[in-house]
Amino acid sequence: MPSPYKYRFDEEKSVYRFETVNNIDYSIAFYTDMHFELIGLQEDWFKDVYQISIENTNSKSNKSVPLDSRVSRTISEIINDFFKNRENVLLYVCSNADGKQEKRHSIFNRWYNSSLYKSDIVKIDLVFNTAYTTMYSTILYHNSNINSSNINSTFKNFESLFKGNE
């Protein structure tokens, strides 16, 4: 497996950043997620639920980015660092703004399947149809997270957040 890129944490913007050999700049951010609270649930462990944003910061076009296996290795390492806090929960909802949500979901699955943290991190996918699109979401949490049963049951209700507005 290729070595990851060197990355840094930008304190000012609270994001991880790295640049590839193809001069592509990436930013990776973890931000507090509010989806479960929108369902109407209130739990103490919600404070540990985050979403991840992965952004190519120097390309706003639909131009293809050259395949670079070091990018996935770097993102995996950043996610691995995120789970050093075993109570953290990561919710990933694939953006459907450009119709590429299935492709994003496939890439995220490939990253997880080749990751070093796969043996310690539980991954649950939820794919469902709304009146307008197919939604792809994933939740990740450490297998020793004390809230694992609550996380599982709450994630099963996630679909209702999106279907409730139809």
N, C-alpha and C. Protein backbone atom coordinates (compact mmCIF):
# COMPACT_ATOMS: atom_id res chain seq x y z
N MET A 1 0.85 -1.18 0.00
CA MET A 1 0.00 0.00 0.00
C MET A 1 0.90 1.24 0.00
N PRO A 2 0.56 2.23 -0.81
CA PRO A 2 1.41 3.42 -0.90
C PRO A 2 1.39 4.23 0.39
N SER A 3 2.47 4.97 0.57
CA SER A 3 2.55 5.85 1.74
C SER A 3 1.57 6.99 1.59
N PRO A 4 1.01 7.43 2.72
CA PRO A 4 0.09 8.58 2.64
C PRO A 4 0.87 9.87 2.38
N TYR A 5 0.13 10.87 1.92
CA TYR A 5 0.73 12.20 1.80
C TYR A 5 0.89 12.77 3.20
N LYS A 6 1.82 13.68 3.32
CA LYS A 6 1.95 14.42 4.58
C LYS A 6 0.78 15.38 4.64
N TYR A 7 0.12 15.38 5.78
CA TYR A 7 -1.00 16.28 5.94
C TYR A 7 -0.79 17.12 7.18
N ARG A 8 -1.53 18.22 7.24
CA ARG A 8 -1.42 19.10 8.39
C ARG A 8 -2.82 19.50 8.82
N PHE A 9 -2.93 19.90 10.06
CA PHE A 9 -4.20 20.38 10.57
C PHE A 9 -4.16 21.90 10.57
N ASP A 10 -5.10 22.51 9.86
CA ASP A 10 -5.22 23.96 9.78
C ASP A 10 -6.06 24.42 10.96
N GLU A 11 -5.40 24.94 11.99
CA GLU A 11 -6.08 25.36 13.22
C GLU A 11 -7.13 26.43 12.96
N GLU A 12 -6.81 27.35 12.08
CA GLU A 12 -7.72 28.47 11.82
C GLU A 12 -9.06 28.00 11.23
N LYS A 13 -9.01 27.03 10.31
CA LYS A 13 -10.23 26.56 9.64
C LYS A 13 -10.71 25.21 10.15
N SER A 14 -9.98 24.60 11.07
CA SER A 14 -10.32 23.29 11.65
C SER A 14 -10.49 22.22 10.57
N VAL A 15 -9.55 22.16 9.66
CA VAL A 15 -9.56 21.15 8.61
C VAL A 15 -8.16 20.56 8.45
N TYR A 16 -8.14 19.32 7.97
CA TYR A 16 -6.89 18.70 7.57
C TYR A 16 -6.65 19.06 6.11
N ARG A 17 -5.39 19.28 5.74
CA ARG A 17 -5.07 19.64 4.36
C ARG A 17 -3.87 18.83 3.88
N PHE A 18 -3.91 18.51 2.58
CA PHE A 18 -2.74 17.92 1.94
C PHE A 18 -2.79 18.21 0.45
N GLU A 19 -1.62 18.11 -0.19
CA GLU A 19 -1.50 18.35 -1.62
C GLU A 19 -0.91 17.11 -2.27
N THR A 20 -1.43 16.76 -3.45
CA THR A 20 -0.97 15.56 -4.16
C THR A 20 0.16 15.91 -5.13
N VAL A 21 0.75 14.87 -5.70
CA VAL A 21 1.79 15.07 -6.71
C VAL A 21 1.22 15.73 -7.97
N ASN A 22 -0.08 15.67 -8.15
CA ASN A 22 -0.75 16.30 -9.28
C ASN A 22 -1.20 17.73 -8.96
N ASN A 23 -0.67 18.28 -7.85
CA ASN A 23 -0.98 19.63 -7.38
C ASN A 23 -2.47 19.84 -7.10
N ILE A 24 -3.10 18.80 -6.58
CA ILE A 24 -4.49 18.90 -6.16
C ILE A 24 -4.50 19.04 -4.65
N ASP A 25 -5.18 20.08 -4.19
CA ASP A 25 -5.27 20.35 -2.75
C ASP A 25 -6.57 19.76 -2.22
N TYR A 26 -6.47 19.05 -1.12
CA TYR A 26 -7.64 18.47 -0.46
C TYR A 26 -7.79 19.05 0.93
N SER A 27 -9.04 19.20 1.34
CA SER A 27 -9.32 19.53 2.73
C SER A 27 -10.31 18.50 3.25
N ILE A 28 -10.06 18.06 4.47
CA ILE A 28 -10.90 17.06 5.14
C ILE A 28 -11.36 17.70 6.44
N ALA A 29 -12.67 17.79 6.60
CA ALA A 29 -13.22 18.41 7.80
C ALA A 29 -14.19 17.46 8.49
N PHE A 30 -14.19 17.49 9.80
CA PHE A 30 -15.16 16.77 10.61
C PHE A 30 -15.99 17.84 11.31
N TYR A 31 -17.28 17.79 11.13
CA TYR A 31 -18.14 18.77 11.79
C TYR A 31 -19.30 18.08 12.47
N THR A 32 -19.77 18.69 13.53
CA THR A 32 -20.85 18.13 14.34
C THR A 32 -22.08 17.91 13.47
N ASP A 33 -22.64 16.72 13.58
CA ASP A 33 -23.82 16.36 12.79
C ASP A 33 -25.08 16.59 13.62
N MET A 34 -26.13 17.04 12.96
CA MET A 34 -27.39 17.32 13.63
C MET A 34 -28.54 16.45 13.12
N HIS A 35 -28.27 15.50 12.21
CA HIS A 35 -29.35 14.71 11.61
C HIS A 35 -30.21 13.99 12.64
N PHE A 36 -29.60 13.35 13.61
CA PHE A 36 -30.38 12.56 14.57
C PHE A 36 -31.27 13.46 15.42
N GLU A 37 -30.78 14.63 15.74
CA GLU A 37 -31.61 15.55 16.50
C GLU A 37 -32.78 16.05 15.67
N LEU A 38 -32.61 16.13 14.34
CA LEU A 38 -33.70 16.53 13.47
C LEU A 38 -34.82 15.49 13.43
N ILE A 39 -34.48 14.23 13.71
CA ILE A 39 -35.50 13.19 13.78
C ILE A 39 -36.36 13.38 15.03
N GLY A 40 -35.86 14.18 15.96
CA GLY A 40 -36.60 14.44 17.19
C GLY A 40 -36.06 13.66 18.37
N LEU A 41 -34.87 13.10 18.21
CA LEU A 41 -34.27 12.32 19.29
C LEU A 41 -33.26 13.18 20.04
N GLN A 42 -33.12 12.94 21.31
CA GLN A 42 -32.14 13.64 22.12
C GLN A 42 -31.38 12.61 22.96
N GLU A 43 -30.13 12.47 22.69
CA GLU A 43 -29.29 11.53 23.42
C GLU A 43 -27.96 12.21 23.73
N ASP A 44 -27.37 11.86 24.86
CA ASP A 44 -26.07 12.44 25.22
C ASP A 44 -24.99 12.13 24.20
N TRP A 45 -25.03 10.94 23.60
CA TRP A 45 -23.95 10.54 22.70
C TRP A 45 -24.00 11.26 21.36
N PHE A 46 -25.08 12.00 21.06
CA PHE A 46 -25.15 12.75 19.79
C PHE A 46 -24.03 13.76 19.66
N LYS A 47 -23.50 14.22 20.79
CA LYS A 47 -22.40 15.20 20.75
C LYS A 47 -21.14 14.60 20.11
N ASP A 48 -21.10 13.27 20.00
CA ASP A 48 -19.95 12.58 19.42
C ASP A 48 -20.17 12.18 17.96
N VAL A 49 -21.28 12.61 17.36
CA VAL A 49 -21.58 12.27 15.97
C VAL A 49 -21.09 13.40 15.07
N TYR A 50 -20.30 13.02 14.08
CA TYR A 50 -19.72 13.97 13.15
C TYR A 50 -19.99 13.54 11.72
N GLN A 51 -19.96 14.50 10.83
CA GLN A 51 -19.94 14.22 9.41
C GLN A 51 -18.55 14.55 8.90
N ILE A 52 -18.22 13.94 7.78
CA ILE A 52 -16.93 14.22 7.15
C ILE A 52 -17.20 14.91 5.82
N SER A 53 -16.36 15.88 5.53
CA SER A 53 -16.41 16.57 4.24
C SER A 53 -15.04 16.40 3.60
N ILE A 54 -15.04 15.90 2.39
CA ILE A 54 -13.80 15.69 1.64
C ILE A 54 -13.90 16.56 0.40
N GLU A 55 -13.01 17.54 0.29
CA GLU A 55 -13.14 18.50 -0.80
C GLU A 55 -11.83 18.71 -1.54
N ASN A 56 -11.93 18.67 -2.86
CA ASN A 56 -10.84 19.08 -3.73
C ASN A 56 -10.97 20.59 -3.80
N THR A 57 -10.09 21.31 -3.14
CA THR A 57 -10.27 22.76 -2.96
C THR A 57 -9.83 23.61 -4.13
N ASN A 58 -9.15 23.03 -5.11
CA ASN A 58 -8.72 23.86 -6.23
C ASN A 58 -9.38 23.46 -7.55
N SER A 59 -10.48 22.73 -7.47
CA SER A 59 -11.19 22.37 -8.69
C SER A 59 -12.69 22.40 -8.44
N LYS A 60 -13.34 23.39 -8.99
CA LYS A 60 -14.79 23.50 -8.87
C LYS A 60 -15.48 22.98 -10.12
N SER A 61 -14.71 22.42 -11.05
CA SER A 61 -15.29 21.92 -12.29
C SER A 61 -15.58 20.43 -12.17
N ASN A 62 -16.19 19.89 -13.18
CA ASN A 62 -16.47 18.45 -13.23
C ASN A 62 -15.33 17.69 -13.89
N LYS A 63 -14.19 18.35 -14.05
CA LYS A 63 -13.03 17.74 -14.67
C LYS A 63 -12.55 16.55 -13.83
N SER A 64 -12.24 15.46 -14.50
CA SER A 64 -11.78 14.25 -13.81
C SER A 64 -10.45 14.50 -13.11
N VAL A 65 -10.33 13.92 -11.95
CA VAL A 65 -9.10 14.00 -11.17
C VAL A 65 -8.34 12.70 -11.41
N PRO A 66 -7.04 12.76 -11.70
CA PRO A 66 -6.28 11.53 -11.94
C PRO A 66 -6.34 10.60 -10.71
N LEU A 67 -6.47 9.32 -10.97
CA LEU A 67 -6.49 8.33 -9.88
C LEU A 67 -5.16 8.37 -9.15
N ASP A 68 -5.24 8.45 -7.84
CA ASP A 68 -4.04 8.56 -7.01
C ASP A 68 -4.32 7.77 -5.73
N SER A 69 -3.75 6.59 -5.62
CA SER A 69 -4.02 5.72 -4.47
C SER A 69 -3.51 6.31 -3.15
N ARG A 70 -2.60 7.25 -3.22
CA ARG A 70 -2.11 7.88 -1.99
C ARG A 70 -3.18 8.76 -1.35
N VAL A 71 -4.12 9.27 -2.14
CA VAL A 71 -5.21 10.08 -1.59
C VAL A 71 -6.04 9.23 -0.64
N SER A 72 -6.46 8.05 -1.08
CA SER A 72 -7.27 7.19 -0.21
C SER A 72 -6.50 6.78 1.04
N ARG A 73 -5.23 6.52 0.89
CA ARG A 73 -4.39 6.14 2.04
C ARG A 73 -4.30 7.30 3.04
N THR A 74 -4.19 8.50 2.54
CA THR A 74 -4.11 9.69 3.40
C THR A 74 -5.43 9.91 4.13
N ILE A 75 -6.53 9.83 3.41
CA ILE A 75 -7.84 10.01 4.03
C ILE A 75 -8.08 8.93 5.07
N SER A 76 -7.69 7.70 4.77
CA SER A 76 -7.82 6.61 5.75
C SER A 76 -7.04 6.89 7.02
N GLU A 77 -5.84 7.43 6.86
CA GLU A 77 -5.03 7.75 8.03
C GLU A 77 -5.68 8.85 8.87
N ILE A 78 -6.25 9.86 8.20
CA ILE A 78 -6.93 10.94 8.92
C ILE A 78 -8.14 10.38 9.67
N ILE A 79 -8.91 9.50 9.03
CA ILE A 79 -10.07 8.88 9.69
C ILE A 79 -9.61 8.02 10.86
N ASN A 80 -8.53 7.32 10.69
CA ASN A 80 -7.97 6.51 11.78
C ASN A 80 -7.64 7.39 12.98
N ASP A 81 -7.05 8.55 12.74
CA ASP A 81 -6.76 9.51 13.82
C ASP A 81 -8.05 9.96 14.50
N PHE A 82 -9.09 10.19 13.70
CA PHE A 82 -10.39 10.61 14.23
C PHE A 82 -10.92 9.60 15.25
N PHE A 83 -10.71 8.32 14.98
CA PHE A 83 -11.23 7.27 15.86
C PHE A 83 -10.32 6.93 17.04
N LYS A 84 -9.30 7.74 17.26
CA LYS A 84 -8.53 7.57 18.49
C LYS A 84 -9.41 7.85 19.70
N ASN A 85 -10.42 8.71 19.48
CA ASN A 85 -11.47 8.87 20.48
C ASN A 85 -12.53 7.82 20.16
N ARG A 86 -12.61 6.77 20.95
CA ARG A 86 -13.47 5.63 20.65
C ARG A 86 -14.96 5.94 20.75
N GLU A 87 -15.30 7.08 21.28
CA GLU A 87 -16.72 7.46 21.37
C GLU A 87 -17.18 8.21 20.12
N ASN A 88 -16.25 8.61 19.26
CA ASN A 88 -16.62 9.31 18.04
C ASN A 88 -17.43 8.42 17.12
N VAL A 89 -18.38 9.03 16.44
CA VAL A 89 -19.23 8.36 15.46
C VAL A 89 -19.13 9.21 14.19
N LEU A 90 -18.97 8.54 13.05
CA LEU A 90 -18.84 9.25 11.78
C LEU A 90 -20.00 8.88 10.88
N LEU A 91 -20.76 9.88 10.49
CA LEU A 91 -21.87 9.71 9.57
C LEU A 91 -21.45 10.29 8.23
N TYR A 92 -21.59 9.49 7.19
CA TYR A 92 -21.23 9.95 5.85
C TYR A 92 -22.47 9.84 4.97
N VAL A 93 -22.95 10.99 4.50
CA VAL A 93 -24.08 11.04 3.58
C VAL A 93 -23.52 11.53 2.24
N CYS A 94 -23.65 10.69 1.22
CA CYS A 94 -23.09 11.04 -0.08
C CYS A 94 -23.92 12.14 -0.73
N SER A 95 -23.26 13.20 -1.10
CA SER A 95 -23.94 14.32 -1.77
C SER A 95 -24.58 13.83 -3.06
N ASN A 96 -25.81 14.27 -3.29
CA ASN A 96 -26.50 13.91 -4.52
C ASN A 96 -26.70 15.11 -5.44
N ALA A 97 -26.01 16.19 -5.17
CA ALA A 97 -26.18 17.45 -5.92
C ALA A 97 -25.86 17.29 -7.40
N ASP A 98 -24.91 16.41 -7.73
CA ASP A 98 -24.51 16.24 -9.12
C ASP A 98 -24.84 14.85 -9.66
N GLY A 99 -25.62 14.07 -8.90
CA GLY A 99 -26.02 12.74 -9.36
C GLY A 99 -24.93 11.69 -9.22
N LYS A 100 -23.85 12.00 -8.52
CA LYS A 100 -22.72 11.06 -8.40
C LYS A 100 -22.66 10.40 -7.02
N GLN A 101 -23.79 10.33 -6.31
CA GLN A 101 -23.79 9.78 -4.96
C GLN A 101 -23.41 8.29 -4.94
N GLU A 102 -23.83 7.52 -5.93
CA GLU A 102 -23.49 6.10 -5.96
C GLU A 102 -21.98 5.91 -6.14
N LYS A 103 -21.38 6.73 -6.98
CA LYS A 103 -19.93 6.67 -7.19
C LYS A 103 -19.20 7.02 -5.90
N ARG A 104 -19.66 8.06 -5.20
CA ARG A 104 -19.04 8.44 -3.92
C ARG A 104 -19.14 7.30 -2.91
N HIS A 105 -20.30 6.68 -2.86
CA HIS A 105 -20.52 5.56 -1.93
C HIS A 105 -19.56 4.41 -2.25
N SER A 106 -19.39 4.12 -3.52
CA SER A 106 -18.48 3.06 -3.95
C SER A 106 -17.04 3.38 -3.55
N ILE A 107 -16.63 4.62 -3.74
CA ILE A 107 -15.26 5.03 -3.37
C ILE A 107 -15.08 4.92 -1.86
N PHE A 108 -16.06 5.38 -1.09
CA PHE A 108 -15.96 5.31 0.37
C PHE A 108 -15.86 3.85 0.82
N ASN A 109 -16.64 2.96 0.20
CA ASN A 109 -16.56 1.53 0.52
C ASN A 109 -15.18 0.97 0.21
N ARG A 110 -14.63 1.35 -0.92
CA ARG A 110 -13.30 0.87 -1.29
C ARG A 110 -12.26 1.34 -0.27
N TRP A 111 -12.37 2.61 0.17
CA TRP A 111 -11.43 3.12 1.17
C TRP A 111 -11.54 2.31 2.45
N TYR A 112 -12.76 2.08 2.90
CA TYR A 112 -12.97 1.33 4.14
C TYR A 112 -12.40 -0.09 4.00
N ASN A 113 -12.71 -0.75 2.90
CA ASN A 113 -12.28 -2.14 2.72
C ASN A 113 -10.77 -2.31 2.64
N SER A 114 -10.07 -1.26 2.26
CA SER A 114 -8.60 -1.35 2.20
C SER A 114 -7.93 -0.64 3.38
N SER A 115 -8.74 -0.21 4.35
CA SER A 115 -8.20 0.57 5.47
C SER A 115 -7.55 -0.30 6.53
N LEU A 116 -6.72 0.35 7.33
CA LEU A 116 -6.07 -0.31 8.45
C LEU A 116 -7.00 -0.42 9.65
N TYR A 117 -8.04 0.38 9.71
CA TYR A 117 -8.93 0.42 10.86
C TYR A 117 -10.15 -0.49 10.72
N LYS A 118 -10.26 -1.21 9.63
CA LYS A 118 -11.44 -2.03 9.35
C LYS A 118 -11.75 -3.03 10.47
N SER A 119 -10.73 -3.56 11.12
CA SER A 119 -10.97 -4.55 12.17
C SER A 119 -11.52 -3.93 13.46
N ASP A 120 -11.32 -2.63 13.65
CA ASP A 120 -11.79 -1.96 14.87
C ASP A 120 -13.02 -1.08 14.67
N ILE A 121 -13.32 -0.76 13.43
CA ILE A 121 -14.40 0.18 13.13
C ILE A 121 -15.55 -0.54 12.46
N VAL A 122 -16.73 -0.42 13.05
CA VAL A 122 -17.94 -1.01 12.50
C VAL A 122 -18.48 -0.06 11.42
N LYS A 123 -18.92 -0.64 10.31
CA LYS A 123 -19.48 0.14 9.21
C LYS A 123 -20.86 -0.40 8.87
N ILE A 124 -21.84 0.50 8.84
CA ILE A 124 -23.20 0.11 8.47
C ILE A 124 -23.65 1.05 7.36
N ASP A 125 -24.13 0.48 6.28
CA ASP A 125 -24.63 1.26 5.16
C ASP A 125 -26.15 1.30 5.20
N LEU A 126 -26.69 2.40 4.72
CA LEU A 126 -28.13 2.54 4.56
C LEU A 126 -28.36 3.22 3.21
N VAL A 127 -28.99 2.47 2.31
CA VAL A 127 -29.31 2.97 0.98
C VAL A 127 -30.81 2.90 0.84
N PHE A 128 -31.43 4.02 0.44
CA PHE A 128 -32.89 4.03 0.30
C PHE A 128 -33.30 5.05 -0.75
N ASN A 129 -34.48 4.83 -1.27
CA ASN A 129 -35.03 5.72 -2.28
C ASN A 129 -35.98 6.72 -1.66
N THR A 130 -35.89 7.94 -2.13
CA THR A 130 -36.88 8.96 -1.80
C THR A 130 -37.67 9.21 -3.09
N ALA A 131 -38.60 10.13 -3.05
CA ALA A 131 -39.37 10.45 -4.25
C ALA A 131 -38.48 11.05 -5.35
N TYR A 132 -37.31 11.58 -4.96
CA TYR A 132 -36.48 12.32 -5.90
C TYR A 132 -35.16 11.66 -6.26
N THR A 133 -34.63 10.81 -5.38
CA THR A 133 -33.28 10.29 -5.60
C THR A 133 -33.04 9.05 -4.74
N THR A 134 -31.90 8.45 -4.93
CA THR A 134 -31.44 7.38 -4.05
C THR A 134 -30.41 7.98 -3.09
N MET A 135 -30.60 7.75 -1.81
CA MET A 135 -29.70 8.28 -0.79
C MET A 135 -28.74 7.17 -0.35
N TYR A 136 -27.47 7.51 -0.23
CA TYR A 136 -26.43 6.60 0.23
C TYR A 136 -25.83 7.19 1.50
N SER A 137 -25.91 6.46 2.58
CA SER A 137 -25.34 6.93 3.83
C SER A 137 -24.64 5.78 4.53
N THR A 138 -23.68 6.14 5.35
CA THR A 138 -22.87 5.16 6.08
C THR A 138 -22.61 5.72 7.46
N ILE A 139 -22.60 4.84 8.43
CA ILE A 139 -22.19 5.24 9.77
C ILE A 139 -21.03 4.35 10.18
N LEU A 140 -20.04 4.96 10.81
CA LEU A 140 -18.85 4.27 11.30
C LEU A 140 -18.69 4.57 12.78
N TYR A 141 -18.33 3.55 13.55
CA TYR A 141 -18.03 3.77 14.96
C TYR A 141 -17.09 2.67 15.44
N HIS A 142 -16.37 2.97 16.50
CA HIS A 142 -15.41 2.02 17.06
C HIS A 142 -16.17 0.86 17.68
N ASN A 143 -15.67 -0.36 17.49
CA ASN A 143 -16.38 -1.54 18.01
C ASN A 143 -16.44 -1.59 19.53
N SER A 144 -15.67 -0.75 20.22
CA SER A 144 -15.76 -0.68 21.68
C SER A 144 -16.55 0.54 22.16
N ASN A 145 -17.23 1.21 21.24
CA ASN A 145 -18.06 2.36 21.62
C ASN A 145 -19.18 1.88 22.54
N ILE A 146 -19.31 2.51 23.70
CA ILE A 146 -20.29 2.06 24.70
C ILE A 146 -21.73 2.30 24.25
N ASN A 147 -21.92 3.08 23.20
CA ASN A 147 -23.27 3.38 22.71
C ASN A 147 -23.63 2.61 21.44
N SER A 148 -22.92 1.53 21.16
CA SER A 148 -23.10 0.85 19.88
C SER A 148 -24.53 0.40 19.61
N SER A 149 -25.23 -0.14 20.60
CA SER A 149 -26.61 -0.59 20.34
C SER A 149 -27.52 0.61 20.06
N ASN A 150 -27.32 1.73 20.76
CA ASN A 150 -28.09 2.93 20.49
C ASN A 150 -27.78 3.50 19.10
N ILE A 151 -26.53 3.44 18.72
CA ILE A 151 -26.12 3.94 17.40
C ILE A 151 -26.83 3.12 16.32
N ASN A 152 -26.81 1.81 16.45
CA ASN A 152 -27.45 0.94 15.45
C ASN A 152 -28.94 1.23 15.33
N SER A 153 -29.63 1.28 16.44
CA SER A 153 -31.09 1.47 16.38
C SER A 153 -31.45 2.87 15.88
N THR A 154 -30.67 3.86 16.24
CA THR A 154 -30.94 5.22 15.79
C THR A 154 -30.68 5.37 14.30
N PHE A 155 -29.61 4.74 13.82
CA PHE A 155 -29.29 4.84 12.39
C PHE A 155 -30.40 4.21 11.54
N LYS A 156 -31.06 3.20 12.05
CA LYS A 156 -32.16 2.58 11.32
C LYS A 156 -33.31 3.58 11.10
N ASN A 157 -33.42 4.59 11.96
CA ASN A 157 -34.45 5.62 11.82
C ASN A 157 -34.02 6.77 10.91
N PHE A 158 -32.80 6.73 10.46
CA PHE A 158 -32.23 7.82 9.66
C PHE A 158 -33.04 8.07 8.39
N GLU A 159 -33.51 7.00 7.78
CA GLU A 159 -34.29 7.10 6.55
C GLU A 159 -35.52 7.99 6.73
N SER A 160 -36.12 7.94 7.92
CA SER A 160 -37.34 8.71 8.16
C SER A 160 -37.10 10.22 8.07
N LEU A 161 -35.88 10.65 8.34
CA LEU A 161 -35.55 12.08 8.24
C LEU A 161 -35.77 12.57 6.81
N PHE A 162 -35.36 11.77 5.85
CA PHE A 162 -35.44 12.17 4.44
C PHE A 162 -36.81 11.88 3.84
N LYS A 163 -37.45 10.81 4.28
CA LYS A 163 -38.74 10.46 3.71
C LYS A 163 -39.89 11.23 4.34
N GLY A 164 -39.64 11.83 5.49
CA GLY A 164 -40.69 12.57 6.19
C GLY A 164 -41.14 13.81 5.45
N ASN A 165 -40.31 14.32 4.55
CA ASN A 165 -40.64 15.54 3.81
C ASN A 165 -41.26 15.27 2.45
N GLU A 166 -41.54 14.02 2.12
CA GLU A 166 -42.11 13.70 0.81
C GLU A 166 -43.59 13.94 0.76
